[in-house]
C-alpha atoms as a PDB file:
ATOM      1  CA  MET A   1     150.453-119.075 -88.533  1.00  0.00           C
ATOM      2  CA  MET A   2     151.938-116.158 -90.452  1.00  0.00           C
ATOM      3  CA  THR A   3     154.594-114.103 -88.757  1.00  0.00           C
ATOM      4  CA  ASP A   4     155.274-111.709 -91.640  1.00  0.00           C
ATOM      5  CA  THR A   5     152.089-110.094 -92.909  1.00  0.00           C
ATOM      6  CA  THR A   6     153.597-109.606 -96.389  1.00  0.00           C
ATOM      7  CA  GLU A   7     154.335-113.303 -96.972  1.00  0.00           C
ATOM      8  CA  GLN A   8     151.557-115.759 -97.677  1.00  0.00           C
ATOM      9  CA  THR A   9     151.570-119.286 -96.321  1.00  0.00           C
ATOM     10  CA  ASN A  10     151.370-122.264 -98.687  1.00  0.00           C
ATOM     11  CA  ALA A  11     147.679-122.670 -97.859  1.00  0.00           C
ATOM     12  CA  GLN A  12     146.904-119.036 -98.627  1.00  0.00           C
ATOM     13  CA  LYS A  13     148.781-119.287-101.937  1.00  0.00           C
ATOM     14  CA  HIS A  14     146.821-122.445-102.745  1.00  0.00           C
ATOM     15  CA  TYR A  15     143.439-120.887-101.988  1.00  0.00           C
ATOM     16  CA  ASP A  16     144.324-117.797-104.024  1.00  0.00           C
ATOM     17  CA  ARG A  17     145.484-119.618-107.146  1.00  0.00           C
ATOM     18  CA  TRP A  18     143.758-123.037-107.175  1.00  0.00           C
ATOM     19  CA  PRO A  19     140.509-121.959-108.896  1.00  0.00           C
ATOM     20  CA  ALA A  20     142.476-120.459-111.811  1.00  0.00           C
ATOM     21  CA  VAL A  21     144.815-123.468-112.018  1.00  0.00           C
ATOM     22  CA  MET A  22     141.919-125.913-112.158  1.00  0.00           C
ATOM     23  CA  GLY A  23     139.928-123.697-114.526  1.00  0.00           C
ATOM     24  CA  ASP A  24     142.869-123.638-116.928  1.00  0.00           C
ATOM     25  CA  MET A  25     143.277-127.416-116.670  1.00  0.00           C
ATOM     26  CA  LYS A  26     139.572-127.917-117.443  1.00  0.00           C
ATOM     27  CA  LYS A  27     139.879-125.692-120.538  1.00  0.00           C
ATOM     28  CA  GLN A  28     142.941-127.523-121.811  1.00  0.00           C
ATOM     29  CA  ALA A  29     141.788-131.031-120.858  1.00  0.00           C
ATOM     30  CA  PRO A  30     137.988-130.909-120.748  1.00  0.00           C
ATOM     31  CA  ALA A  31     137.522-134.682-120.996  1.00  0.00           C
ATOM     32  CA  ILE A  32     139.585-135.183-117.841  1.00  0.00           C
ATOM     33  CA  GLY A  33     137.852-132.341-115.998  1.00  0.00           C
ATOM     34  CA  ASN A  34     134.373-133.515-116.981  1.00  0.00           C
ATOM     35  CA  ALA A  35     135.030-137.165-116.158  1.00  0.00           C
ATOM     36  CA  PHE A  36     136.573-136.419-112.780  1.00  0.00           C
ATOM     37  CA  GLY A  37     133.987-133.756-111.957  1.00  0.00           C
ATOM     38  CA  GLY A  38     131.100-136.105-112.639  1.00  0.00           C
ATOM     39  CA  MET A  39     132.634-138.890-110.576  1.00  0.00           C
ATOM     40  CA  PHE A  40     133.437-136.487-107.737  1.00  0.00           C
ATOM     41  CA  ALA A  41     129.913-135.062-107.683  1.00  0.00           C
ATOM     42  CA  LYS A  42     128.324-138.511-107.694  1.00  0.00           C
ATOM     43  CA  LEU A  43     130.567-140.101-105.055  1.00  0.00           C
ATOM     44  CA  MET A  44     131.172-137.156-102.717  1.00  0.00           C
ATOM     45  CA  GLY A  45     127.537-136.095-102.318  1.00  0.00           C
ATOM     46  CA  GLU A  46     125.228-136.977 -99.448  1.00  0.00           C
ATOM     47  CA  GLY A  47     124.531-140.661 -98.987  1.00  0.00           C
ATOM     48  CA  ALA A  48     124.921-143.180 -96.189  1.00  0.00           C
ATOM     49  CA  LEU A  49     127.890-140.994 -95.208  1.00  0.00           C
ATOM     50  CA  SER A  50     127.489-137.234 -94.949  1.00  0.00           C
ATOM     51  CA  VAL A  51     129.529-134.881 -97.134  1.00  0.00           C
ATOM     52  CA  ARG A  52     131.406-133.861 -93.961  1.00  0.00           C
ATOM     53  CA  GLU A  53     132.316-137.466 -93.209  1.00  0.00           C
ATOM     54  CA  LYS A  54     133.416-138.080 -96.799  1.00  0.00           C
ATOM     55  CA  GLU A  55     135.553-134.942 -96.798  1.00  0.00           C
ATOM     56  CA  LEU A  56     137.220-135.945 -93.517  1.00  0.00           C
ATOM     57  CA  ILE A  57     138.024-139.328 -95.077  1.00  0.00           C
ATOM     58  CA  ALA A  58     139.371-137.653 -98.227  1.00  0.00           C
ATOM     59  CA  LEU A  59     141.461-135.307 -96.096  1.00  0.00           C
ATOM     60  CA  ALA A  60     142.888-138.223 -94.128  1.00  0.00           C
ATOM     61  CA  ILE A  61     143.808-139.977 -97.361  1.00  0.00           C
ATOM     62  CA  GLY A  62     145.363-136.771 -98.715  1.00  0.00           C
ATOM     63  CA  MET A  63     147.536-136.536 -95.611  1.00  0.00           C
ATOM     64  CA  SER A  64     148.417-140.231 -95.865  1.00  0.00           C
ATOM     65  CA  VAL A  65     149.527-140.006 -99.493  1.00  0.00           C
ATOM     66  CA  ARG A  66     151.359-136.731 -98.791  1.00  0.00           C
ATOM     67  CA  CYS A  67     149.374-134.637-101.289  1.00  0.00           C
ATOM     68  CA  GLU A  68     149.540-130.980-100.236  1.00  0.00           C
ATOM     69  CA  PRO A  69     146.883-129.767-102.727  1.00  0.00           C
ATOM     70  CA  CYS A  70     144.610-132.597-101.516  1.00  0.00           C
ATOM     71  CA  ILE A  71     145.128-131.532 -97.898  1.00  0.00           C
ATOM     72  CA  PHE A  72     144.270-127.920 -98.663  1.00  0.00           C
ATOM     73  CA  ALA A  73     141.316-128.754-100.929  1.00  0.00           C
ATOM     74  CA  HIS A  74     139.685-131.307 -98.652  1.00  0.00           C
ATOM     75  CA  ALA A  75     140.289-129.248 -95.511  1.00  0.00           C
ATOM     76  CA  GLU A  76     138.376-126.418 -97.176  1.00  0.00           C
ATOM     77  CA  LYS A  77     135.583-128.733 -98.338  1.00  0.00           C
ATOM     78  CA  ALA A  78     135.361-130.370 -94.896  1.00  0.00           C
ATOM     79  CA  VAL A  79     135.032-126.967 -93.227  1.00  0.00           C
ATOM     80  CA  LYS A  80     132.368-125.914 -95.754  1.00  0.00           C
ATOM     81  CA  ALA A  81     130.536-129.154 -94.939  1.00  0.00           C
ATOM     82  CA  GLY A  82     130.554-128.276 -91.232  1.00  0.00           C
ATOM     83  CA  ALA A  83     133.714-129.889 -89.862  1.00  0.00           C
ATOM     84  CA  THR A  84     135.070-128.173 -86.762  1.00  0.00           C
ATOM     85  CA  ARG A  85     138.678-127.528 -85.833  1.00  0.00           C
ATOM     86  CA  GLU A  86     138.363-130.214 -83.167  1.00  0.00           C
ATOM     87  CA  GLN A  87     137.123-132.759 -85.724  1.00  0.00           C
ATOM     88  CA  LEU A  88     139.946-131.917 -88.127  1.00  0.00           C
ATOM     89  CA  LEU A  89     142.548-132.302 -85.391  1.00  0.00           C
ATOM     90  CA  GLU A  90     141.024-135.580 -84.222  1.00  0.00           C
ATOM     91  CA  MET A  91     141.087-136.839 -87.820  1.00  0.00           C
ATOM     92  CA  ALA A  92     144.774-135.849 -87.986  1.00  0.00           C
ATOM     93  CA  GLY A  93     145.366-137.908 -84.853  1.00  0.00           C
ATOM     94  CA  VAL A  94     143.885-140.941 -86.594  1.00  0.00           C
ATOM     95  CA  VAL A  95     146.202-140.350 -89.563  1.00  0.00           C
ATOM     96  CA  VAL A  96     149.206-140.196 -87.239  1.00  0.00           C
ATOM     97  CA  THR A  97     148.033-143.323 -85.389  1.00  0.00           C
ATOM     98  CA  MET A  98     147.695-145.273 -88.620  1.00  0.00           C
ATOM     99  CA  GLN A  99     150.760-143.912 -90.407  1.00  0.00           C
ATOM    100  CA  GLY A 100     153.174-142.632 -87.793  1.00  0.00           C
ATOM    101  CA  GLY A 101     155.843-140.156 -88.830  1.00  0.00           C
ATOM    102  CA  PRO A 102     154.839-139.782 -92.495  1.00  0.00           C
ATOM    103  CA  GLY A 103     151.385-138.609 -91.374  1.00  0.00           C
ATOM    104  CA  TYR A 104     152.782-136.588 -88.477  1.00  0.00           C
ATOM    105  CA  VAL A 105     154.920-134.373 -90.719  1.00  0.00           C
ATOM    106  CA  HIS A 106     151.816-133.262 -92.658  1.00  0.00           C
ATOM    107  CA  VAL A 107     149.894-132.001 -89.626  1.00  0.00           C
ATOM    108  CA  PRO A 108     151.503-128.531 -90.093  1.00  0.00           C
ATOM    109  CA  GLU A 109     149.893-128.317 -93.545  1.00  0.00           C
ATOM    110  CA  LEU A 110     146.515-128.971 -91.951  1.00  0.00           C
ATOM    111  CA  LEU A 111     147.209-126.292 -89.328  1.00  0.00           C
ATOM    112  CA  ASP A 112     148.198-123.899 -92.131  1.00  0.00           C
ATOM    113  CA  ALA A 113     144.940-124.675 -93.943  1.00  0.00           C
ATOM    114  CA  MET A 114     142.865-124.136 -90.797  1.00  0.00           C
ATOM    115  CA  ASP A 115     144.553-120.785 -90.166  1.00  0.00           C
ATOM    116  CA  ALA A 116     143.989-119.694 -93.772  1.00  0.00           C
ATOM    117  CA  LEU A 117     140.338-120.780 -93.524  1.00  0.00           C
ATOM    118  CA  GLY A 118     139.882-118.917 -90.248  1.00  0.00           C
ATOM    119  CA  ILE A 119     138.970-121.882 -88.059  1.00  0.00           C
END
């Protein structure tokens, strides 16, 4: 949670700049952007698992591989797909159970994301 209203958290900085960063990447490397975008759309859509479930899995993997942009991106997508704060925290508990300390130290990034997303 922010203590100084003039300083943004890492999550807030991410959410402010990520669309421009990815837009620039897609302009400079359209083959990569198109290939990944198509795969993402196909695999992360509704299916036997809901989008919410898939985003919670992606978020757990992002925490496990220690990818801050992944944590912020998939937390946002999970929330947009209907994930609650309680579900996100329970998912984080599974990450910590399966990975121990390396997962534990990334829970603050999830908390930062939830604060920035207003949940």
